[in-house]
Amino acid sequence: MLATYKLIITEDSITREMLNTPTISIPIAGVKEIIKSANGAYTILGDSKINAIGISTEIEHKEELEQLLSAIKPLTVKTSTPWHQTYQLPIAFVVLALMFASFYVGNLYVSTLCGVLFSSFMIYSFIVLQKSKNIDIRAKRLSYFILIPLLSVIGAVIMKWVE
């Protein structure tokens, strides 16, 4: 996909085109922030943080790009990663533990709480995946598999309340 990445900067907008993903276009006047990360990647934020334009460190003509972007908006340099990226693995284990707790914990209320927390996280993740224009169509289709564990947990919690 990165081989088909195309960034178009005009007087009116910044547009990102890439194979199998919707085109993202942010008007120049709508650019809220341009972030340069510690590794040299850029993120252009418009009205929606979900549909930001990400620019890889592998892009050609980095110096020209940085001049163009800094002319649009002063660059914000981020030296640290967001907490949810730093703790991806522990978050995944917590979500997995919530799922298993909703099935195997004997206490009805604890099991229900774990099921509600797990379901909330999965629904939020599914919505973000479906709304994002930075994710290709195939990955969006595969995200429907999230519904299998979600419906299993909801069914298990309902069955515990019915018994």
C-alpha atoms as a PDB file:
ATOM      1  CA  MET A   1       0.000   0.000   0.000  1.00  0.00           C
ATOM      2  CA  LEU A   2       2.810   2.420   0.766  1.00  0.00           C
ATOM      3  CA  ALA A   3       4.000   2.119  -2.834  1.00  0.00           C
ATOM      4  CA  THR A   4       0.717   3.728  -3.929  1.00  0.00           C
ATOM      5  CA  TYR A   5       0.860   6.507  -1.313  1.00  0.00           C
ATOM      6  CA  LYS A   6       0.416   9.938  -2.863  1.00  0.00           C
ATOM      7  CA  LEU A   7       0.421  13.250  -0.983  1.00  0.00           C
ATOM      8  CA  ILE A   8      -0.935  16.250  -2.879  1.00  0.00           C
ATOM      9  CA  ILE A   9      -0.491  19.721  -1.403  1.00  0.00           C
ATOM     10  CA  THR A  10      -2.291  22.546  -3.213  1.00  0.00           C
ATOM     11  CA  GLU A  11      -3.110  26.118  -2.240  1.00  0.00           C
ATOM     12  CA  ASP A  12      -6.485  24.984  -0.916  1.00  0.00           C
ATOM     13  CA  SER A  13      -5.993  21.532   0.587  1.00  0.00           C
ATOM     14  CA  ILE A  14      -3.771  18.632   1.573  1.00  0.00           C
ATOM     15  CA  THR A  15      -4.890  15.315   0.082  1.00  0.00           C
ATOM     16  CA  ARG A  16      -3.709  11.780   0.726  1.00  0.00           C
ATOM     17  CA  GLU A  17      -4.436   9.050  -1.819  1.00  0.00           C
ATOM     18  CA  MET A  18      -3.599   5.392  -1.315  1.00  0.00           C
ATOM     19  CA  LEU A  19      -4.758   2.126  -2.873  1.00  0.00           C
ATOM     20  CA  ASN A  20      -7.745   0.432  -1.145  1.00  0.00           C
ATOM     21  CA  THR A  21      -8.355   3.344   1.225  1.00  0.00           C
ATOM     22  CA  PRO A  22     -10.676   6.323   0.895  1.00  0.00           C
ATOM     23  CA  THR A  23      -9.036   9.600  -0.101  1.00  0.00           C
ATOM     24  CA  ILE A  24      -8.510  12.000   2.791  1.00  0.00           C
ATOM     25  CA  SER A  25      -8.584  15.712   2.040  1.00  0.00           C
ATOM     26  CA  ILE A  26      -8.076  18.430   4.643  1.00  0.00           C
ATOM     27  CA  PRO A  27      -8.610  22.072   3.651  1.00  0.00           C
ATOM     28  CA  ILE A  28      -5.609  24.276   4.458  1.00  0.00           C
ATOM     29  CA  ALA A  29      -7.861  26.498   6.565  1.00  0.00           C
ATOM     30  CA  GLY A  30      -9.055  23.405   8.467  1.00  0.00           C
ATOM     31  CA  VAL A  31      -5.594  22.213   9.526  1.00  0.00           C
ATOM     32  CA  LYS A  32      -5.597  22.255  13.330  1.00  0.00           C
ATOM     33  CA  GLU A  33      -2.106  20.906  13.962  1.00  0.00           C
ATOM     34  CA  ILE A  34       0.882  19.401  12.174  1.00  0.00           C
ATOM     35  CA  ILE A  35       2.853  17.028  14.372  1.00  0.00           C
ATOM     36  CA  LYS A  36       6.384  15.823  13.719  1.00  0.00           C
ATOM     37  CA  SER A  37       7.225  12.734  15.748  1.00  0.00           C
ATOM     38  CA  ALA A  38      10.629  11.843  17.120  1.00  0.00           C
ATOM     39  CA  ASN A  39      11.229   9.335  14.309  1.00  0.00           C
ATOM     40  CA  GLY A  40      10.532  11.938  11.591  1.00  0.00           C
ATOM     41  CA  ALA A  41       6.972  10.963  10.644  1.00  0.00           C
ATOM     42  CA  TYR A  42       4.309  13.650  10.268  1.00  0.00           C
ATOM     43  CA  THR A  43       0.643  13.754  11.214  1.00  0.00           C
ATOM     44  CA  ILE A  44      -1.700  16.395   9.836  1.00  0.00           C
ATOM     45  CA  LEU A  45      -4.796  16.875  11.986  1.00  0.00           C
ATOM     46  CA  GLY A  46      -7.973  18.443  10.659  1.00  0.00           C
ATOM     47  CA  ASP A  47     -11.440  18.428  12.156  1.00  0.00           C
ATOM     48  CA  SER A  48     -11.347  14.671  12.794  1.00  0.00           C
ATOM     49  CA  LYS A  49      -8.541  12.987  14.712  1.00  0.00           C
ATOM     50  CA  ILE A  50      -9.689   9.626  13.338  1.00  0.00           C
ATOM     51  CA  ASN A  51      -9.115  10.734   9.743  1.00  0.00           C
ATOM     52  CA  ALA A  52      -5.777  12.468  10.127  1.00  0.00           C
ATOM     53  CA  ILE A  53      -3.200  12.267   7.356  1.00  0.00           C
ATOM     54  CA  GLY A  54      -0.157  10.258   8.362  1.00  0.00           C
ATOM     55  CA  ILE A  55       3.093  10.748   6.482  1.00  0.00           C
ATOM     56  CA  SER A  56       5.714   8.025   6.811  1.00  0.00           C
ATOM     57  CA  THR A  57       9.395   8.598   7.443  1.00  0.00           C
ATOM     58  CA  GLU A  58      10.050   6.856   4.111  1.00  0.00           C
ATOM     59  CA  ILE A  59       8.595   9.706   2.022  1.00  0.00           C
ATOM     60  CA  GLU A  60      10.745  11.314  -0.658  1.00  0.00           C
ATOM     61  CA  HIS A  61      11.855  14.971  -0.526  1.00  0.00           C
ATOM     62  CA  LYS A  62      11.600  15.279   3.262  1.00  0.00           C
ATOM     63  CA  GLU A  63      13.184  18.725   3.395  1.00  0.00           C
ATOM     64  CA  GLU A  64      10.768  20.168   0.816  1.00  0.00           C
ATOM     65  CA  LEU A  65       7.831  18.597   2.622  1.00  0.00           C
ATOM     66  CA  GLU A  66       8.888  20.035   5.975  1.00  0.00           C
ATOM     67  CA  GLN A  67       9.178  23.523   4.441  1.00  0.00           C
ATOM     68  CA  LEU A  68       5.721  23.237   2.851  1.00  0.00           C
ATOM     69  CA  LEU A  69       4.141  21.983   6.051  1.00  0.00           C
ATOM     70  CA  SER A  70       5.787  24.585   8.267  1.00  0.00           C
ATOM     71  CA  ALA A  71       4.526  27.298   5.890  1.00  0.00           C
ATOM     72  CA  ILE A  72       0.974  26.036   6.467  1.00  0.00           C
ATOM     73  CA  LYS A  73       1.169  25.723  10.251  1.00  0.00           C
ATOM     74  CA  PRO A  74       4.048  25.720  12.760  1.00  0.00           C
ATOM     75  CA  LEU A  75       5.193  22.160  13.444  1.00  0.00           C
ATOM     76  CA  THR A  76       4.597  20.614  16.843  1.00  0.00           C
ATOM     77  CA  VAL A  77       7.421  18.239  17.758  1.00  0.00           C
ATOM     78  CA  LYS A  78       6.352  15.233  19.823  1.00  0.00           C
ATOM     79  CA  THR A  79       9.120  13.389  21.609  1.00  0.00           C
ATOM     80  CA  SER A  80       7.008  10.815  23.437  1.00  0.00           C
ATOM     81  CA  THR A  81       4.484   8.264  22.252  1.00  0.00           C
ATOM     82  CA  PRO A  82       0.856   8.305  23.429  1.00  0.00           C
ATOM     83  CA  TRP A  83       0.075   6.121  26.441  1.00  0.00           C
ATOM     84  CA  HIS A  84      -2.171   3.745  24.489  1.00  0.00           C
ATOM     85  CA  GLN A  85       0.669   3.016  22.053  1.00  0.00           C
ATOM     86  CA  THR A  86       3.204   2.597  24.844  1.00  0.00           C
ATOM     87  CA  TYR A  87       1.017   0.095  26.698  1.00  0.00           C
ATOM     88  CA  GLN A  88      -0.514  -1.820  23.770  1.00  0.00           C
ATOM     89  CA  LEU A  89       0.409  -5.259  25.066  1.00  0.00           C
ATOM     90  CA  PRO A  90      -0.810  -4.741  28.664  1.00  0.00           C
ATOM     91  CA  ILE A  91      -4.079  -3.262  27.341  1.00  0.00           C
ATOM     92  CA  ALA A  92      -4.571  -6.316  25.121  1.00  0.00           C
ATOM     93  CA  PHE A  93      -3.995  -8.633  28.103  1.00  0.00           C
ATOM     94  CA  VAL A  94      -6.477  -6.670  30.241  1.00  0.00           C
ATOM     95  CA  VAL A  95      -9.137  -6.884  27.514  1.00  0.00           C
ATOM     96  CA  LEU A  96      -8.480 -10.608  27.125  1.00  0.00           C
ATOM     97  CA  ALA A  97      -8.711 -11.059  30.909  1.00  0.00           C
ATOM     98  CA  LEU A  98     -12.030  -9.176  30.940  1.00  0.00           C
ATOM     99  CA  MET A  99     -13.378 -11.531  28.299  1.00  0.00           C
ATOM    100  CA  PHE A 100     -12.340 -14.676  30.180  1.00  0.00           C
ATOM    101  CA  ALA A 101     -13.546 -13.237  33.495  1.00  0.00           C
ATOM    102  CA  SER A 102     -16.982 -12.622  32.024  1.00  0.00           C
ATOM    103  CA  PHE A 103     -17.164 -16.346  31.141  1.00  0.00           C
ATOM    104  CA  TYR A 104     -15.507 -18.010  34.128  1.00  0.00           C
ATOM    105  CA  VAL A 105     -16.038 -15.841  37.214  1.00  0.00           C
ATOM    106  CA  GLY A 106     -18.770 -17.288  39.406  1.00  0.00           C
ATOM    107  CA  ASN A 107     -19.935 -13.998  40.911  1.00  0.00           C
ATOM    108  CA  LEU A 108     -22.774 -12.644  38.776  1.00  0.00           C
ATOM    109  CA  TYR A 109     -21.981  -8.971  39.357  1.00  0.00           C
ATOM    110  CA  VAL A 110     -18.234  -9.250  38.735  1.00  0.00           C
ATOM    111  CA  SER A 111     -18.892 -11.286  35.613  1.00  0.00           C
ATOM    112  CA  THR A 112     -21.418  -8.707  34.383  1.00  0.00           C
ATOM    113  CA  LEU A 113     -19.038  -5.810  35.068  1.00  0.00           C
ATOM    114  CA  CYS A 114     -16.249  -7.556  33.151  1.00  0.00           C
ATOM    115  CA  GLY A 115     -18.660  -8.299  30.300  1.00  0.00           C
ATOM    116  CA  VAL A 116     -19.826  -4.678  30.117  1.00  0.00           C
ATOM    117  CA  LEU A 117     -16.240  -3.351  30.153  1.00  0.00           C
ATOM    118  CA  PHE A 118     -15.165  -5.838  27.485  1.00  0.00           C
ATOM    119  CA  SER A 119     -18.206  -5.070  25.332  1.00  0.00           C
ATOM    120  CA  SER A 120     -17.634  -1.317  25.640  1.00  0.00           C
ATOM    121  CA  PHE A 121     -14.022  -1.637  24.554  1.00  0.00           C
ATOM    122  CA  MET A 122     -14.890  -3.896  21.610  1.00  0.00           C
ATOM    123  CA  ILE A 123     -17.740  -1.679  20.388  1.00  0.00           C
ATOM    124  CA  TYR A 124     -15.515   1.411  20.620  1.00  0.00           C
ATOM    125  CA  SER A 125     -12.733  -0.378  18.714  1.00  0.00           C
ATOM    126  CA  PHE A 126     -15.145  -1.551  16.025  1.00  0.00           C
ATOM    127  CA  ILE A 127     -16.575   1.948  15.506  1.00  0.00           C
ATOM    128  CA  VAL A 128     -13.118   3.532  15.282  1.00  0.00           C
ATOM    129  CA  LEU A 129     -11.974   0.900  12.780  1.00  0.00           C
ATOM    130  CA  GLN A 130     -15.036   1.418  10.596  1.00  0.00           C
ATOM    131  CA  LYS A 131     -14.847   5.243  10.642  1.00  0.00           C
ATOM    132  CA  SER A 132     -11.129   5.523   9.931  1.00  0.00           C
ATOM    133  CA  LYS A 133     -10.052   6.369   6.394  1.00  0.00           C
ATOM    134  CA  ASN A 134      -6.497   5.270   7.170  1.00  0.00           C
ATOM    135  CA  ILE A 135      -7.449   1.584   7.242  1.00  0.00           C
ATOM    136  CA  ASP A 136      -7.814  -0.384   4.030  1.00  0.00           C
ATOM    137  CA  ILE A 137     -11.062  -2.028   2.977  1.00  0.00           C
ATOM    138  CA  ARG A 138      -9.831  -5.573   3.663  1.00  0.00           C
ATOM    139  CA  ALA A 139      -8.963  -4.757   7.278  1.00  0.00           C
ATOM    140  CA  LYS A 140     -12.351  -3.113   7.737  1.00  0.00           C
ATOM    141  CA  ARG A 141     -14.068  -6.262   6.464  1.00  0.00           C
ATOM    142  CA  LEU A 142     -11.959  -8.435   8.777  1.00  0.00           C
ATOM    143  CA  SER A 143     -12.938  -6.229  11.734  1.00  0.00           C
ATOM    144  CA  TYR A 144     -16.423  -7.778  11.582  1.00  0.00           C
ATOM    145  CA  PHE A 145     -14.845 -10.801  13.299  1.00  0.00           C
ATOM    146  CA  ILE A 146     -14.776  -8.614  16.426  1.00  0.00           C
ATOM    147  CA  LEU A 147     -18.500  -9.299  16.652  1.00  0.00           C
ATOM    148  CA  ILE A 148     -17.957 -13.013  17.389  1.00  0.00           C
ATOM    149  CA  PRO A 149     -16.313 -12.617  20.828  1.00  0.00           C
ATOM    150  CA  LEU A 150     -18.517  -9.587  21.528  1.00  0.00           C
ATOM    151  CA  LEU A 151     -21.741 -11.512  20.948  1.00  0.00           C
ATOM    152  CA  SER A 152     -20.328 -14.520  22.856  1.00  0.00           C
ATOM    153  CA  VAL A 153     -19.634 -12.412  25.932  1.00  0.00           C
ATOM    154  CA  ILE A 154     -23.010 -10.679  25.749  1.00  0.00           C
ATOM    155  CA  GLY A 155     -24.724 -14.067  25.384  1.00  0.00           C
ATOM    156  CA  ALA A 156     -22.782 -15.563  28.306  1.00  0.00           C
ATOM    157  CA  VAL A 157     -23.680 -12.644  30.590  1.00  0.00           C
ATOM    158  CA  ILE A 158     -27.339 -12.821  29.595  1.00  0.00           C
ATOM    159  CA  MET A 159     -27.374 -16.578  30.234  1.00  0.00           C
ATOM    160  CA  LYS A 160     -25.940 -16.045  33.730  1.00  0.00           C
ATOM    161  CA  TRP A 161     -28.712 -13.572  34.534  1.00  0.00           C
ATOM    162  CA  VAL A 162     -31.416 -15.907  33.189  1.00  0.00           C
ATOM    163  CA  GLU A 163     -30.280 -18.912  35.287  1.00  0.00           C
END
